[in-house]
Amino acid sequence: MQLHELVNTIGQDLQRRYGEKVHKLTLHGGFSCPNRDGTIGRGGCTFCNVASFASEETQIQSIHEQLTDRAGEVKRAKKYLAYFQAYTSTYAEVQVLKNMYEEALKYADIVGLCVGTRPDCVPDSVLELLAGYVEQGYEIWLELGLQTANDQTLKRINRGHDFAVYDEITKRARALGIKVCTHLIVGLPNETKQDNLQTLEKVLETGTDGIKLHGLHIVEGSTMAKAWRAGR
């Protein structure tokens, strides 16, 4: 049995609504993270090393240049979503975000934005900005990194927020017509299958428009990698 027979994938959903394939083009906006710069913590989440999905070269390119490069790599789609993926892509002054998002939206064949961020970094001004794009007819997704609904695990991986923060921002975003995609990690240290199912139950109770499941992957340069090598 194929995945698309079991799950309504984002690819299926977009193709049905747009009548053709829509591809996500990943972007690095040069953002930081409050869990790295000392605002709420240092060192970041224990599983994170942004270099694993964003090169130094990408970080110095303009949004237009990055979109041109990514679009050139895509062979089977002619419509795109601009995906601000690296670090916390709402973590800047709202005018800075507006300029960056709108540079992406002006690019040919872009139908909307996917904005990757943390649940504790989406103030009202950012919600209002994204809701304005929804009103203009753009496809807008807030990609929220929850990882787990277990508050003990969130503390253990140095996440810097609890489930209640995620619950509140998800409800507020969806009430404004902003789609939410919830990112979860399966296989976090000390978590069981039951923990995973409880997370899923809580996410569905809050409500979400999509779920992205990541199997735990320990990358070089992360705090978790050091702990793994030390046998912890």
Protein backbone atom coordinates (compact mmCIF):
# COMPACT_ATOMS: atom_id res chain seq x y z
CA MET A 1 0.00 0.00 0.00
CA GLN A 2 1.28 3.46 -0.93
CA LEU A 3 1.53 6.37 1.52
CA HIS A 4 -1.00 8.43 -0.44
CA GLU A 5 -3.58 5.69 0.12
CA LEU A 6 -3.26 6.12 3.89
CA VAL A 7 -2.50 9.81 4.32
CA ASN A 8 -3.73 13.01 2.70
CA THR A 9 -0.23 14.29 1.89
CA ILE A 10 0.55 17.96 1.37
CA GLY A 11 1.46 17.16 -2.23
CA GLN A 12 -1.94 15.57 -2.88
CA ASP A 13 -3.78 18.39 -1.15
CA LEU A 14 -2.01 21.13 -3.10
CA GLN A 15 -2.35 19.37 -6.45
CA ARG A 16 -6.08 18.90 -5.91
CA ARG A 17 -6.61 22.55 -5.01
CA TYR A 18 -4.26 24.12 -7.59
CA GLY A 19 -4.74 21.62 -10.40
CA GLU A 20 -1.00 20.98 -10.66
CA LYS A 21 2.06 20.18 -8.57
CA VAL A 22 3.19 22.82 -6.07
CA HIS A 23 6.72 22.54 -4.71
CA LYS A 24 8.21 24.04 -1.53
CA LEU A 25 11.40 26.05 -2.10
CA THR A 26 13.47 26.22 1.09
CA LEU A 27 14.92 29.57 2.18
CA HIS A 28 17.35 30.86 4.80
CA GLY A 29 16.35 34.31 6.02
CA GLY A 30 19.42 34.85 8.19
CA PHE A 31 17.33 34.62 11.36
CA SER A 32 18.61 33.73 14.81
CA CYS A 33 16.80 31.99 17.65
CA PRO A 34 15.91 33.17 21.18
CA ASN A 35 17.14 29.84 22.46
CA ARG A 36 20.61 30.60 21.11
CA ASP A 37 21.13 34.33 21.57
CA GLY A 38 20.46 34.37 25.31
CA THR A 39 16.91 35.76 25.21
CA ILE A 40 15.55 32.56 26.75
CA GLY A 41 18.60 30.29 26.60
CA ARG A 42 21.96 29.40 25.12
CA GLY A 43 23.06 26.54 22.91
CA GLY A 44 19.69 25.90 21.27
CA CYS A 45 17.65 22.72 21.35
CA THR A 46 19.80 19.67 21.99
CA PHE A 47 18.91 18.08 18.62
CA CYS A 48 19.57 21.18 16.50
CA ASN A 49 22.44 22.13 14.24
CA VAL A 50 21.13 24.44 11.52
CA ALA A 51 24.21 23.75 9.36
CA SER A 52 22.69 20.34 8.68
CA PHE A 53 20.04 21.92 6.43
CA ALA A 54 21.44 25.33 5.43
CA SER A 55 24.86 26.02 3.93
CA GLU A 56 26.93 29.13 4.67
CA GLU A 57 26.62 30.10 0.99
CA THR A 58 22.81 30.07 1.24
CA GLN A 59 22.89 32.40 4.24
CA ILE A 60 24.50 35.23 2.23
CA GLN A 61 22.22 34.98 -0.81
CA SER A 62 19.21 37.25 -1.26
CA ILE A 63 15.72 35.76 -1.10
CA HIS A 64 15.38 36.22 -4.87
CA GLU A 65 18.70 34.46 -5.51
CA GLN A 66 17.78 31.55 -3.27
CA LEU A 67 14.38 31.14 -4.95
CA THR A 68 16.00 31.20 -8.39
CA ASP A 69 18.49 28.50 -7.37
CA ARG A 70 15.85 26.30 -5.74
CA ALA A 71 13.37 26.69 -8.60
CA GLY A 72 16.11 25.68 -11.02
CA GLU A 73 16.46 22.37 -9.18
CA VAL A 74 12.75 21.52 -9.52
CA LYS A 75 11.70 19.63 -12.65
CA ARG A 76 8.11 18.59 -12.01
CA ALA A 77 6.39 21.74 -10.69
CA LYS A 78 5.75 25.26 -11.97
CA LYS A 79 4.09 26.70 -8.87
CA TYR A 80 5.89 27.15 -5.56
CA LEU A 81 5.59 27.85 -1.87
CA ALA A 82 8.42 29.89 -0.37
CA TYR A 83 9.48 27.97 2.75
CA PHE A 84 11.39 29.99 5.35
CA GLN A 85 12.93 27.00 7.07
CA ALA A 86 16.14 27.77 8.95
CA TYR A 87 16.13 28.86 12.59
CA THR A 88 13.16 30.96 13.78
CA SER A 89 11.66 32.71 10.76
CA THR A 90 9.41 35.09 12.71
CA TYR A 91 12.20 36.27 15.01
CA ALA A 92 12.76 39.83 13.79
CA GLU A 93 11.06 43.23 13.70
CA VAL A 94 7.79 42.95 11.83
CA GLN A 95 8.92 45.40 9.11
CA VAL A 96 11.98 43.23 8.44
CA LEU A 97 9.72 40.19 8.15
CA LYS A 98 7.31 42.07 5.89
CA ASN A 99 10.10 43.07 3.50
CA MET A 100 11.47 39.54 3.37
CA TYR A 101 8.13 37.76 2.98
CA GLU A 102 6.99 40.17 0.28
CA GLU A 103 10.24 39.77 -1.66
CA ALA A 104 9.39 36.06 -1.78
CA LEU A 105 5.74 36.64 -2.70
CA LYS A 106 6.76 38.83 -5.65
CA TYR A 107 8.80 36.00 -7.18
CA ALA A 108 7.22 34.43 -10.27
CA ASP A 109 4.83 31.53 -9.65
CA ILE A 110 4.93 31.78 -5.84
CA VAL A 111 1.46 30.97 -4.47
CA GLY A 112 2.24 31.49 -0.79
CA LEU A 113 4.52 31.14 2.21
CA CYS A 114 5.45 28.45 4.71
CA VAL A 115 7.02 30.07 7.77
CA GLY A 116 8.95 27.83 10.14
CA THR A 117 9.11 29.07 13.71
CA ARG A 118 8.72 28.36 17.41
CA PRO A 119 5.34 28.63 19.20
CA ASP A 120 6.75 31.27 21.55
CA CYS A 121 7.92 33.60 18.74
CA VAL A 122 4.67 34.54 17.01
CA PRO A 123 3.45 37.87 18.44
CA ASP A 124 0.17 39.52 17.40
CA SER A 125 1.96 41.73 14.88
CA VAL A 126 3.25 38.66 13.02
CA LEU A 127 -0.14 36.96 13.10
CA GLU A 128 -1.73 40.11 11.67
CA LEU A 129 0.91 40.27 8.93
CA LEU A 130 0.35 36.65 7.90
CA ALA A 131 -3.43 36.97 8.15
CA GLY A 132 -3.21 39.92 5.74
CA TYR A 133 -1.60 37.64 3.14
CA VAL A 134 -4.37 35.10 3.67
CA GLU A 135 -6.90 37.84 2.94
CA GLN A 136 -5.02 38.60 -0.29
CA GLY A 137 -5.56 35.00 -1.39
CA TYR A 138 -2.12 33.57 -0.65
CA GLU A 139 -1.53 30.06 0.73
CA ILE A 140 -0.08 30.71 4.20
CA TRP A 141 1.26 27.99 6.51
CA LEU A 142 2.71 28.54 9.97
CA GLU A 143 5.07 25.60 10.53
CA LEU A 144 5.30 25.26 14.30
CA GLY A 145 8.07 23.20 15.82
CA LEU A 146 6.42 21.52 18.79
CA GLN A 147 8.44 18.25 18.66
CA THR A 148 6.52 16.73 21.61
CA ALA A 149 3.61 17.60 23.89
CA ASN A 150 5.44 16.16 26.89
CA ASP A 151 6.59 19.12 29.00
CA GLN A 152 9.29 17.03 30.73
CA THR A 153 10.81 16.10 27.38
CA LEU A 154 10.58 19.70 26.16
CA LYS A 155 12.60 20.76 29.18
CA ARG A 156 15.09 17.91 28.70
CA ILE A 157 15.81 18.90 25.08
CA ASN A 158 16.17 22.57 26.11
CA ARG A 159 13.21 23.65 24.01
CA GLY A 160 12.42 26.71 26.12
CA HIS A 161 8.61 26.56 26.04
CA ASP A 162 5.82 24.23 27.12
CA PHE A 163 2.81 22.70 25.35
CA ALA A 164 0.45 25.41 26.60
CA VAL A 165 2.30 28.02 24.51
CA TYR A 166 1.84 25.88 21.39
CA ASP A 167 -1.84 25.28 22.19
CA GLU A 168 -2.57 29.01 22.49
CA ILE A 169 -0.75 30.20 19.36
CA THR A 170 -2.18 27.40 17.22
CA LYS A 171 -5.73 28.30 18.13
CA ARG A 172 -5.09 32.00 17.53
CA ALA A 173 -3.46 31.43 14.15
CA ARG A 174 -6.18 29.10 12.87
CA ALA A 175 -8.89 31.51 14.00
CA LEU A 176 -7.32 34.05 11.60
CA GLY A 177 -7.36 31.61 8.70
CA ILE A 178 -3.64 30.77 8.89
CA LYS A 179 -2.98 27.09 8.32
CA VAL A 180 -0.82 25.36 10.93
CA CYS A 181 1.55 22.47 10.28
CA THR A 182 2.77 20.85 13.49
CA HIS A 183 6.29 19.41 13.50
CA LEU A 184 6.85 16.41 15.76
CA ILE A 185 9.91 14.26 16.44
CA VAL A 186 9.39 10.53 16.99
CA GLY A 187 12.10 8.85 19.04
CA LEU A 188 13.22 11.60 21.42
CA PRO A 189 15.31 10.30 24.35
CA ASN A 190 13.27 8.56 27.08
CA GLU A 191 10.01 8.82 25.13
CA THR A 192 7.90 5.72 24.49
CA LYS A 193 5.30 4.83 21.90
CA GLN A 194 2.68 5.83 24.45
CA ASP A 195 4.29 9.27 24.77
CA ASN A 196 4.09 9.64 20.98
CA LEU A 197 0.42 8.69 20.95
CA GLN A 198 -0.37 11.09 23.79
CA THR A 199 1.36 13.88 21.85
CA LEU A 200 -0.71 13.07 18.78
CA GLU A 201 -3.91 13.07 20.85
CA LYS A 202 -3.14 16.49 22.36
CA VAL A 203 -2.21 17.98 18.97
CA LEU A 204 -5.45 16.74 17.42
CA GLU A 205 -7.45 18.03 20.39
CA THR A 206 -5.97 21.51 19.86
CA GLY A 207 -6.57 21.27 16.11
CA THR A 208 -4.07 21.46 13.26
CA ASP A 209 -4.10 21.49 9.46
CA GLY A 210 -1.09 19.26 8.94
CA ILE A 211 1.48 17.18 10.78
CA LYS A 212 5.10 16.69 9.77
CA LEU A 213 6.71 13.69 11.43
CA HIS A 214 10.48 13.58 11.83
CA GLY A 215 12.24 10.43 12.96
CA LEU A 216 14.92 11.47 15.44
CA HIS A 217 18.14 12.12 13.53
CA ILE A 218 21.23 12.96 15.54
CA VAL A 219 23.36 15.41 13.56
CA GLU A 220 27.01 16.29 14.08
CA GLY A 221 27.53 19.50 15.99
CA SER A 222 24.40 19.15 18.11
CA THR A 223 24.38 18.82 21.90
CA MET A 224 22.54 15.53 21.51
CA ALA A 225 25.32 14.16 19.29
CA LYS A 226 27.86 14.85 22.02
CA ALA A 227 25.66 13.15 24.60
CA TRP A 228 25.17 10.14 22.30
CA ARG A 229 28.91 9.76 21.69
CA ALA A 230 29.47 9.92 25.45
CA GLY A 231 26.98 7.10 25.98
CA ARG A 232 24.34 9.28 27.65
